[in-house]
C-alpha atoms as a PDB file:
ATOM      1  CA  MET A   1     -23.395 -13.493  17.743  1.00  0.00           C
ATOM      2  CA  LYS A   2     -22.596 -17.181  17.384  1.00  0.00           C
ATOM      3  CA  GLY A   3     -20.232 -17.990  14.565  1.00  0.00           C
ATOM      4  CA  ARG A   4     -18.849 -14.440  14.295  1.00  0.00           C
ATOM      5  CA  THR A   5     -15.766 -12.956  15.855  1.00  0.00           C
ATOM      6  CA  MET A   6     -15.666  -9.461  17.235  1.00  0.00           C
ATOM      7  CA  PRO A   7     -13.012  -7.097  15.844  1.00  0.00           C
ATOM      8  CA  THR A   8     -10.072  -6.631  18.180  1.00  0.00           C
ATOM      9  CA  PHE A   9      -8.101  -3.518  19.046  1.00  0.00           C
ATOM     10  CA  ALA A  10      -5.684  -4.478  16.263  1.00  0.00           C
ATOM     11  CA  SER A  11      -8.186  -4.869  13.414  1.00  0.00           C
ATOM     12  CA  LEU A  12     -10.335  -2.599  11.303  1.00  0.00           C
ATOM     13  CA  SER A  13     -13.222  -3.169   8.923  1.00  0.00           C
ATOM     14  CA  SER A  14     -13.229  -2.733   5.161  1.00  0.00           C
ATOM     15  CA  ALA A  15     -15.381   0.385   5.536  1.00  0.00           C
ATOM     16  CA  GLN A  16     -12.908   1.884   8.014  1.00  0.00           C
ATOM     17  CA  LEU A  17      -9.941   1.168   5.749  1.00  0.00           C
ATOM     18  CA  TRP A  18     -11.666   2.506   2.625  1.00  0.00           C
ATOM     19  CA  ARG A  19     -12.361   5.702   4.552  1.00  0.00           C
ATOM     20  CA  LEU A  20      -8.609   6.134   5.103  1.00  0.00           C
ATOM     21  CA  ILE A  21      -7.420   5.302   1.586  1.00  0.00           C
ATOM     22  CA  GLY A  22      -7.062   8.384  -0.599  1.00  0.00           C
ATOM     23  CA  THR A  23      -6.064  10.656   2.258  1.00  0.00           C
ATOM     24  CA  PRO A  24      -2.533  11.921   3.005  1.00  0.00           C
ATOM     25  CA  GLY A  25      -2.461   9.981   6.290  1.00  0.00           C
ATOM     26  CA  ALA A  26      -3.536   6.641   4.817  1.00  0.00           C
ATOM     27  CA  PRO A  27      -1.787   3.590   6.295  1.00  0.00           C
ATOM     28  CA  ALA A  28       0.698   1.447   4.448  1.00  0.00           C
ATOM     29  CA  ILE A  29      -1.101  -1.701   3.259  1.00  0.00           C
ATOM     30  CA  LEU A  30       0.723  -5.026   3.009  1.00  0.00           C
ATOM     31  CA  ASP A  31      -0.915  -7.880   1.113  1.00  0.00           C
ATOM     32  CA  VAL A  32       0.446 -11.203   2.405  1.00  0.00           C
ATOM     33  CA  ARG A  33      -1.861 -13.554   0.488  1.00  0.00           C
ATOM     34  CA  VAL A  34      -0.356 -16.762  -0.846  1.00  0.00           C
ATOM     35  CA  ALA A  35       0.212 -17.299  -4.571  1.00  0.00           C
ATOM     36  CA  ALA A  36      -2.859 -19.504  -5.047  1.00  0.00           C
ATOM     37  CA  ASP A  37      -5.196 -16.854  -3.615  1.00  0.00           C
ATOM     38  CA  LEU A  38      -3.608 -14.144  -5.760  1.00  0.00           C
ATOM     39  CA  ALA A  39      -3.962 -16.308  -8.845  1.00  0.00           C
ATOM     40  CA  ALA A  40      -7.650 -16.882  -8.088  1.00  0.00           C
ATOM     41  CA  ASP A  41      -8.295 -13.120  -7.835  1.00  0.00           C
ATOM     42  CA  PRO A  42      -5.291 -11.099  -9.106  1.00  0.00           C
ATOM     43  CA  ARG A  43      -6.381  -7.791  -7.592  1.00  0.00           C
ATOM     44  CA  VAL A  44      -5.305  -5.870  -4.505  1.00  0.00           C
ATOM     45  CA  VAL A  45      -6.710  -3.342  -2.081  1.00  0.00           C
ATOM     46  CA  PRO A  46      -5.796   0.123  -3.458  1.00  0.00           C
ATOM     47  CA  THR A  47      -2.169   1.093  -2.621  1.00  0.00           C
ATOM     48  CA  ALA A  48      -1.372  -2.411  -1.266  1.00  0.00           C
ATOM     49  CA  ARG A  49       2.040  -3.870  -1.940  1.00  0.00           C
ATOM     50  CA  LEU A  50       2.593  -7.611  -2.175  1.00  0.00           C
ATOM     51  CA  VAL A  51       4.819  -8.923   0.603  1.00  0.00           C
ATOM     52  CA  PRO A  52       5.327 -12.602   1.489  1.00  0.00           C
ATOM     53  CA  HIS A  53       4.120 -13.151   5.047  1.00  0.00           C
ATOM     54  CA  ASP A  54       7.559 -14.323   6.177  1.00  0.00           C
ATOM     55  CA  GLU A  55       9.322 -11.268   4.715  1.00  0.00           C
ATOM     56  CA  VAL A  56       7.447  -8.421   6.408  1.00  0.00           C
ATOM     57  CA  GLU A  57      10.465  -7.664   8.608  1.00  0.00           C
ATOM     58  CA  ARG A  58      12.387  -6.605   5.504  1.00  0.00           C
ATOM     59  CA  HIS A  59      10.063  -3.594   5.266  1.00  0.00           C
ATOM     60  CA  LEU A  60      10.572  -2.225   8.775  1.00  0.00           C
ATOM     61  CA  ALA A  61      12.512   0.824   7.589  1.00  0.00           C
ATOM     62  CA  SER A  62       9.783   1.970   5.194  1.00  0.00           C
ATOM     63  CA  LEU A  63       7.106   1.413   7.847  1.00  0.00           C
ATOM     64  CA  ALA A  64       8.852   3.289  10.652  1.00  0.00           C
ATOM     65  CA  GLY A  65       6.551   5.925  12.130  1.00  0.00           C
ATOM     66  CA  ARG A  66       3.630   4.810   9.969  1.00  0.00           C
ATOM     67  CA  ARG A  67       0.417   2.931  10.601  1.00  0.00           C
ATOM     68  CA  ALA A  68       0.243  -0.366   8.718  1.00  0.00           C
ATOM     69  CA  VAL A  69      -2.612  -2.681   7.738  1.00  0.00           C
ATOM     70  CA  VAL A  70      -1.982  -6.303   6.812  1.00  0.00           C
ATOM     71  CA  VAL A  71      -4.297  -8.105   4.402  1.00  0.00           C
ATOM     72  CA  CYS A  72      -4.529 -11.851   3.848  1.00  0.00           C
ATOM     73  CA  GLN A  73      -7.281 -13.902   2.243  1.00  0.00           C
ATOM     74  CA  CYS A  74      -9.569 -14.297   5.270  1.00  0.00           C
ATOM     75  CA  GLY A  75      -8.036 -12.073   7.937  1.00  0.00           C
ATOM     76  CA  LEU A  76      -6.734 -15.005   9.963  1.00  0.00           C
ATOM     77  CA  LYS A  77      -3.343 -16.576  10.596  1.00  0.00           C
ATOM     78  CA  LEU A  78      -1.176 -14.902   7.959  1.00  0.00           C
ATOM     79  CA  SER A  79      -2.299 -11.335   8.601  1.00  0.00           C
ATOM     80  CA  GLU A  80      -2.603 -11.881  12.360  1.00  0.00           C
ATOM     81  CA  GLY A  81       0.913 -13.268  12.559  1.00  0.00           C
ATOM     82  CA  ALA A  82       2.477 -10.678  10.258  1.00  0.00           C
ATOM     83  CA  ALA A  83       0.782  -7.783  12.072  1.00  0.00           C
ATOM     84  CA  ALA A  84       1.840  -9.132  15.458  1.00  0.00           C
ATOM     85  CA  LEU A  85       5.402  -9.501  14.205  1.00  0.00           C
ATOM     86  CA  LEU A  86       5.397  -5.881  13.018  1.00  0.00           C
ATOM     87  CA  ARG A  87       4.005  -4.729  16.365  1.00  0.00           C
ATOM     88  CA  SER A  88       6.873  -6.540  18.109  1.00  0.00           C
ATOM     89  CA  HIS A  89       9.148  -4.114  16.252  1.00  0.00           C
ATOM     90  CA  GLY A  90       7.140  -1.057  17.334  1.00  0.00           C
ATOM     91  CA  ILE A  91       5.066  -0.700  14.136  1.00  0.00           C
ATOM     92  CA  ALA A  92       1.395   0.190  14.664  1.00  0.00           C
ATOM     93  CA  ALA A  93       0.046  -2.712  12.616  1.00  0.00           C
ATOM     94  CA  GLU A  94      -3.556  -3.835  12.238  1.00  0.00           C
ATOM     95  CA  VAL A  95      -5.385  -6.587  10.389  1.00  0.00           C
ATOM     96  CA  LEU A  96      -8.107  -6.077   7.794  1.00  0.00           C
ATOM     97  CA  GLU A  97     -11.097  -7.802   9.357  1.00  0.00           C
ATOM     98  CA  GLY A  98     -12.256 -10.652   7.112  1.00  0.00           C
ATOM     99  CA  GLY A  99      -9.308 -10.128   4.777  1.00  0.00           C
ATOM    100  CA  PHE A 100      -9.501  -9.629   1.039  1.00  0.00           C
ATOM    101  CA  GLU A 101     -12.625 -11.790   0.873  1.00  0.00           C
ATOM    102  CA  ALA A 102     -14.508  -9.305   3.055  1.00  0.00           C
ATOM    103  CA  TRP A 103     -13.112  -6.379   1.060  1.00  0.00           C
ATOM    104  CA  VAL A 104     -14.454  -7.752  -2.211  1.00  0.00           C
ATOM    105  CA  ALA A 105     -17.737  -8.926  -0.665  1.00  0.00           C
ATOM    106  CA  GLY A 106     -18.358  -5.404   0.613  1.00  0.00           C
ATOM    107  CA  GLY A 107     -18.049  -3.946  -2.885  1.00  0.00           C
ATOM    108  CA  ALA A 108     -14.923  -1.886  -2.248  1.00  0.00           C
ATOM    109  CA  PRO A 109     -12.704  -1.133  -5.279  1.00  0.00           C
ATOM    110  CA  ALA A 110      -9.818  -3.474  -6.028  1.00  0.00           C
ATOM    111  CA  VAL A 111      -6.916  -2.737  -8.372  1.00  0.00           C
ATOM    112  CA  PRO A 112      -6.056  -5.375 -11.038  1.00  0.00           C
ATOM    113  CA  LEU A 113      -2.407  -6.364 -10.804  1.00  0.00           C
ATOM    114  CA  ALA A 114      -2.288  -6.524 -14.600  1.00  0.00           C
ATOM    115  CA  ALA A 115      -3.005  -2.770 -14.774  1.00  0.00           C
ATOM    116  CA  LEU A 116       0.030  -1.859 -12.672  1.00  0.00           C
ATOM    117  CA  PRO A 117       3.253  -0.898 -14.445  1.00  0.00           C
ATOM    118  CA  ALA A 118       6.295  -2.826 -13.291  1.00  0.00           C
ATOM    119  CA  ALA A 119       7.963  -1.346 -10.238  1.00  0.00           C
ATOM    120  CA  ARG A 120      11.547  -0.189 -10.425  1.00  0.00           C
ATOM    121  CA  PRO A 121      14.302  -1.610  -8.175  1.00  0.00           C
ATOM    122  CA  ASP A 122      13.551   1.066  -5.569  1.00  0.00           C
ATOM    123  CA  GLY A 123      10.033  -0.337  -5.271  1.00  0.00           C
ATOM    124  CA  GLY A 124       8.026   2.447  -6.922  1.00  0.00           C
ATOM    125  CA  THR A 125       6.656   2.976 -10.411  1.00  0.00           C
ATOM    126  CA  LEU A 126       8.011   5.672 -12.723  1.00  0.00           C
ATOM    127  CA  TRP A 127       5.808   7.799 -14.978  1.00  0.00           C
ATOM    128  CA  VAL A 128       6.558  10.484 -17.564  1.00  0.00           C
ATOM    129  CA  THR A 129       4.485  13.204 -19.190  1.00  0.00           C
ATOM    130  CA  ARG A 130       4.689  16.693 -20.701  1.00  0.00           C
ATOM    131  CA  HIS A 131       6.132  19.489 -18.622  1.00  0.00           C
ATOM    132  CA  ARG A 132       4.228  22.568 -17.382  1.00  0.00           C
ATOM    133  CA  PRO A 133       1.208  20.592 -16.120  1.00  0.00           C
ATOM    134  CA  LYS A 134      -2.255  22.071 -15.635  1.00  0.00           C
ATOM    135  CA  ILE A 135      -5.073  19.632 -14.793  1.00  0.00           C
ATOM    136  CA  ASP A 136      -4.816  15.997 -15.985  1.00  0.00           C
ATOM    137  CA  ARG A 137      -1.051  15.955 -15.414  1.00  0.00           C
ATOM    138  CA  ILE A 138      -1.571  16.889 -11.746  1.00  0.00           C
ATOM    139  CA  ALA A 139      -4.836  14.984 -11.178  1.00  0.00           C
ATOM    140  CA  CYS A 140      -3.417  11.695 -12.511  1.00  0.00           C
ATOM    141  CA  PRO A 141      -0.311  11.728 -10.293  1.00  0.00           C
ATOM    142  CA  TRP A 142      -2.591  12.507  -7.326  1.00  0.00           C
ATOM    143  CA  LEU A 143      -4.760   9.483  -8.181  1.00  0.00           C
ATOM    144  CA  ILE A 144      -1.717   7.230  -8.568  1.00  0.00           C
ATOM    145  CA  ARG A 145      -0.081   8.372  -5.337  1.00  0.00           C
ATOM    146  CA  ARG A 146      -3.267   8.164  -3.261  1.00  0.00           C
ATOM    147  CA  PHE A 147      -4.900   5.031  -4.719  1.00  0.00           C
ATOM    148  CA  VAL A 148      -2.344   2.996  -6.666  1.00  0.00           C
ATOM    149  CA  ASP A 149       1.310   3.484  -5.726  1.00  0.00           C
ATOM    150  CA  PRO A 150       2.279   5.897  -2.932  1.00  0.00           C
ATOM    151  CA  ALA A 151       5.939   5.512  -3.971  1.00  0.00           C
ATOM    152  CA  ALA A 152       5.334   6.528  -7.602  1.00  0.00           C
ATOM    153  CA  ARG A 153       7.612   9.166  -9.104  1.00  0.00           C
ATOM    154  CA  PHE A 154       6.849  11.481 -12.007  1.00  0.00           C
ATOM    155  CA  LEU A 155       9.033  12.969 -14.719  1.00  0.00           C
ATOM    156  CA  TYR A 156       7.957  16.153 -16.486  1.00  0.00           C
ATOM    157  CA  VAL A 157       9.839  16.634 -19.767  1.00  0.00           C
ATOM    158  CA  ALA A 158       9.543  18.498 -23.064  1.00  0.00           C
ATOM    159  CA  PRO A 159       6.517  17.238 -25.049  1.00  0.00           C
ATOM    160  CA  THR A 160       8.683  16.092 -27.952  1.00  0.00           C
ATOM    161  CA  GLU A 161      10.798  13.915 -25.631  1.00  0.00           C
ATOM    162  CA  VAL A 162       8.155  12.046 -23.618  1.00  0.00           C
ATOM    163  CA  ALA A 163       8.189   8.904 -25.761  1.00  0.00           C
ATOM    164  CA  ALA A 164      11.990   8.753 -25.920  1.00  0.00           C
ATOM    165  CA  VAL A 165      12.372   9.314 -22.168  1.00  0.00           C
ATOM    166  CA  ALA A 166       9.791   6.596 -21.509  1.00  0.00           C
ATOM    167  CA  ASP A 167      11.790   4.195 -23.674  1.00  0.00           C
ATOM    168  CA  ARG A 168      15.267   5.035 -22.381  1.00  0.00           C
ATOM    169  CA  PHE A 169      14.373   5.299 -18.686  1.00  0.00           C
ATOM    170  CA  GLY A 170      11.708   2.614 -18.412  1.00  0.00           C
ATOM    171  CA  ALA A 171       8.976   5.083 -17.457  1.00  0.00           C
ATOM    172  CA  THR A 172       5.268   4.775 -18.256  1.00  0.00           C
ATOM    173  CA  PRO A 173       4.058   7.647 -20.476  1.00  0.00           C
ATOM    174  CA  PHE A 174       0.702   9.279 -19.771  1.00  0.00           C
ATOM    175  CA  ASP A 175      -1.472  12.099 -21.048  1.00  0.00           C
ATOM    176  CA  ILE A 176       0.094  12.237 -24.497  1.00  0.00           C
ATOM    177  CA  GLU A 177      -1.318  11.026 -27.807  1.00  0.00           C
ATOM    178  CA  GLY A 178      -0.833   7.447 -28.887  1.00  0.00           C
ATOM    179  CA  VAL A 179      -0.315   5.790 -25.484  1.00  0.00           C
ATOM    180  CA  PHE A 180      -2.558   3.633 -23.292  1.00  0.00           C
ATOM    181  CA  TRP A 181      -2.884   6.168 -20.459  1.00  0.00           C
ATOM    182  CA  SER A 182      -4.425   9.038 -22.392  1.00  0.00           C
ATOM    183  CA  HIS A 183      -7.707  10.601 -23.505  1.00  0.00           C
ATOM    184  CA  ARG A 184     -10.282   8.277 -25.085  1.00  0.00           C
ATOM    185  CA  GLY A 185     -13.270   9.829 -26.786  1.00  0.00           C
ATOM    186  CA  ASP A 186     -14.929  12.163 -24.290  1.00  0.00           C
ATOM    187  CA  LEU A 187     -12.896  10.769 -21.395  1.00  0.00           C
ATOM    188  CA  CYS A 188      -9.751  12.436 -20.104  1.00  0.00           C
ATOM    189  CA  THR A 189      -6.754  10.515 -18.768  1.00  0.00           C
ATOM    190  CA  PHE A 190      -8.021  10.779 -15.190  1.00  0.00           C
ATOM    191  CA  ASP A 191     -11.245   8.998 -16.242  1.00  0.00           C
ATOM    192  CA  VAL A 192      -9.268   6.295 -18.030  1.00  0.00           C
ATOM    193  CA  MET A 193      -7.112   5.636 -14.983  1.00  0.00           C
ATOM    194  CA  ILE A 194     -10.089   5.362 -12.633  1.00  0.00           C
ATOM    195  CA  ARG A 195     -11.653   2.739 -14.896  1.00  0.00           C
ATOM    196  CA  ALA A 196      -8.505   0.770 -15.726  1.00  0.00           C
ATOM    197  CA  PHE A 197      -7.450   0.654 -12.081  1.00  0.00           C
ATOM    198  CA  GLY A 198     -10.919  -0.479 -10.978  1.00  0.00           C
ATOM    199  CA  LEU A 199     -11.383   2.557  -8.747  1.00  0.00           C
ATOM    200  CA  GLN A 200     -14.956   3.504  -9.618  1.00  0.00           C
ATOM    201  CA  SER A 201     -16.690   4.907  -6.554  1.00  0.00           C
ATOM    202  CA  ALA A 202     -19.184   7.658  -5.912  1.00  0.00           C
ATOM    203  CA  ALA A 203     -16.542  10.116  -4.706  1.00  0.00           C
ATOM    204  CA  LEU A 204     -13.958   9.469  -7.426  1.00  0.00           C
ATOM    205  CA  ASP A 205     -16.580   9.440 -10.170  1.00  0.00           C
ATOM    206  CA  ARG A 206     -17.869  12.784  -8.924  1.00  0.00           C
ATOM    207  CA  LEU A 207     -14.354  14.211  -8.852  1.00  0.00           C
ATOM    208  CA  ALA A 208     -13.664  12.794 -12.313  1.00  0.00           C
ATOM    209  CA  THR A 209     -16.557  14.777 -13.760  1.00  0.00           C
ATOM    210  CA  VAL A 210     -15.028  17.998 -12.429  1.00  0.00           C
ATOM    211  CA  VAL A 211     -11.567  17.090 -13.739  1.00  0.00           C
ATOM    212  CA  ARG A 212     -12.954  16.169 -17.165  1.00  0.00           C
ATOM    213  CA  ALA A 213     -14.993  19.356 -17.346  1.00  0.00           C
ATOM    214  CA  ALA A 214     -11.972  21.505 -16.506  1.00  0.00           C
ATOM    215  CA  ASP A 215      -9.493  19.566 -18.650  1.00  0.00           C
ATOM    216  CA  THR A 216     -11.677  19.540 -21.778  1.00  0.00           C
ATOM    217  CA  ASP A 217     -13.143  23.039 -21.328  1.00  0.00           C
ATOM    218  CA  ARG A 218     -16.659  21.631 -20.760  1.00  0.00           C
ATOM    219  CA  HIS A 219     -17.634  23.729 -17.767  1.00  0.00           C
ATOM    220  CA  ASP A 220     -21.283  22.905 -18.400  1.00  0.00           C
ATOM    221  CA  LEU A 221     -20.586  19.432 -16.983  1.00  0.00           C
ATOM    222  CA  ALA A 222     -19.720  20.690 -13.496  1.00  0.00           C
ATOM    223  CA  PRO A 223     -19.929  24.186 -11.984  1.00  0.00           C
ATOM    224  CA  GLN A 224     -16.709  23.494 -10.034  1.00  0.00           C
ATOM    225  CA  ALA A 225     -14.704  23.180 -13.268  1.00  0.00           C
ATOM    226  CA  ALA A 226     -14.106  26.906 -13.697  1.00  0.00           C
ATOM    227  CA  GLY A 227     -12.671  27.108 -10.193  1.00  0.00           C
ATOM    228  CA  LEU A 228     -10.394  24.116 -10.759  1.00  0.00           C
ATOM    229  CA  LEU A 229      -9.124  25.628 -13.996  1.00  0.00           C
ATOM    230  CA  ALA A 230      -8.442  28.956 -12.280  1.00  0.00           C
ATOM    231  CA  VAL A 231      -6.537  27.302  -9.426  1.00  0.00           C
ATOM    232  CA  SER A 232      -4.598  25.083 -11.841  1.00  0.00           C
ATOM    233  CA  VAL A 233      -3.531  28.005 -14.013  1.00  0.00           C
ATOM    234  CA  GLY A 234      -2.630  29.956 -10.895  1.00  0.00           C
ATOM    235  CA  LEU A 235      -0.415  27.141  -9.612  1.00  0.00           C
ATOM    236  CA  SER A 236       1.339  26.906 -12.971  1.00  0.00           C
ATOM    237  CA  ARG A 237       2.141  30.615 -12.692  1.00  0.00           C
ATOM    238  CA  MET A 238       3.334  30.308  -9.093  1.00  0.00           C
ATOM    239  CA  PHE A 239       5.835  27.493  -9.650  1.00  0.00           C
ATOM    240  CA  ALA A 240       8.628  27.259 -12.191  1.00  0.00           C
ATOM    241  CA  ASP A 241       9.490  23.800 -10.821  1.00  0.00           C
ATOM    242  CA  ASP A 242       6.931  21.249 -12.047  1.00  0.00           C
ATOM    243  CA  LEU A 243       7.561  18.921  -9.093  1.00  0.00           C
ATOM    244  CA  ALA A 244       7.014  21.762  -6.624  1.00  0.00           C
ATOM    245  CA  GLN A 245       3.777  22.517  -8.451  1.00  0.00           C
ATOM    246  CA  LEU A 246       2.807  18.851  -8.183  1.00  0.00           C
ATOM    247  CA  GLU A 247       3.317  18.849  -4.420  1.00  0.00           C
ATOM    248  CA  ALA A 248       1.143  21.944  -4.064  1.00  0.00           C
ATOM    249  CA  GLY A 249      -1.442  20.468  -6.420  1.00  0.00           C
ATOM    250  CA  LEU A 250      -1.713  17.285  -4.344  1.00  0.00           C
ATOM    251  CA  THR A 251      -3.189  19.368  -1.537  1.00  0.00           C
ATOM    252  CA  VAL A 252      -5.743  20.852  -3.926  1.00  0.00           C
ATOM    253  CA  TYR A 253      -6.881  17.402  -5.009  1.00  0.00           C
ATOM    254  CA  ASP A 254      -6.897  16.148  -1.425  1.00  0.00           C
ATOM    255  CA  ALA A 255      -9.380  18.912  -0.676  1.00  0.00           C
ATOM    256  CA  LEU A 256     -11.427  18.181  -3.800  1.00  0.00           C
ATOM    257  CA  PHE A 257     -11.600  14.504  -2.870  1.00  0.00           C
ATOM    258  CA  CYS A 258     -12.919  15.374   0.593  1.00  0.00           C
ATOM    259  CA  TRP A 259     -15.499  17.623  -1.075  1.00  0.00           C
ATOM    260  CA  ALA A 260     -16.491  14.860  -3.503  1.00  0.00           C
ATOM    261  CA  ARG A 261     -16.781  12.328  -0.695  1.00  0.00           C
ATOM    262  CA  ASP A 262     -18.455  14.318   2.073  1.00  0.00           C
ATOM    263  CA  GLY A 263     -19.157  17.916   1.130  1.00  0.00           C
ATOM    264  CA  PHE A 264     -20.561  17.959  -2.390  1.00  0.00           C
ATOM    265  CA  ASP A 265     -24.080  18.789  -1.216  1.00  0.00           C
ATOM    266  CA  GLU A 266     -23.010  21.580   1.126  1.00  0.00           C
ATOM    267  CA  GLY A 267     -23.685  25.190   0.131  1.00  0.00           C
ATOM    268  CA  HIS A 268     -22.604  28.475   1.575  1.00  0.00           C
ATOM    269  CA  ASP A 269     -24.223  31.883   1.693  1.00  0.00           C
ATOM    270  CA  TRP A 270     -23.965  35.093   3.647  1.00  0.00           C
ATOM    271  CA  PRO A 271     -26.171  34.865   6.780  1.00  0.00           C
ATOM    272  CA  ALA A 272     -28.648  37.475   5.568  1.00  0.00           C
ATOM    273  CA  ALA A 273     -31.202  36.613   8.250  1.00  0.00           C
ATOM    274  CA  ARG A 274     -28.742  37.407  11.026  1.00  0.00           C
ATOM    275  CA  VAL A 275     -27.712  40.629   9.368  1.00  0.00           C
ATOM    276  CA  ALA A 276     -31.345  41.676   9.020  1.00  0.00           C
ATOM    277  CA  GLY A 277     -31.932  40.882  12.694  1.00  0.00           C
ATOM    278  CA  ALA A 278     -28.948  42.960  13.744  1.00  0.00           C
ATOM    279  CA  ASP A 279     -30.367  45.983  11.901  1.00  0.00           C
ATOM    280  CA  GLN A 280     -33.646  45.886  13.774  1.00  0.00           C
END
């Protein structure tokens, strides 16, 4: 059509990128917008990291072996050039078609920069909560890793020491009383994070209901809650190491996210009709 450009082999649409975000194989996303565009709309595509367009080569080591997507304001010169430069180094880099403008216009979630804790010198955020996690303290790290900061690290410490560890080590406390990232009214910490990070979507809202139901013992809210509680308790009994439990729990929430996105209306039953036919 006149006035429109066709996507190239090295670009993908907002819908295609949103389909990838939240999965273990999601691409690394580099936001190369200029300061004026960021100031006009200080939000980013979920998991995107801000990188000046002329500094993308500094990130080659972290991108090695990974797929990358470059985002600029309109999907033109800055992202095209940065992606091409990455491809010249052997990185499988693509451009977000239409850039951040198209992402927002399509209604996809965008994370406010103001909601993000400051990154540490190694580039990732650091969080701290109570040890021996069950539901919220596994669900929230999953949400952060998959939709906010893939490089985030988590500290599990004695409940009495969370606040002090947060202060001494510059970590962001969550899922304890008296902090920003915690329960509010009927909402659990997972709910709060989805809202504060601007991540409301049909799939995440559906998953949040299950997490809230399991975390607050309100199994009437979602029939899946009892199963999530059982699996969560089981994982806590399997692993003495909280970080090992977290890694195992990430897979559980990956599966729940796929259910919430694509499989929530699917049922399963024994094929009684076939059995009856076999008996005849």
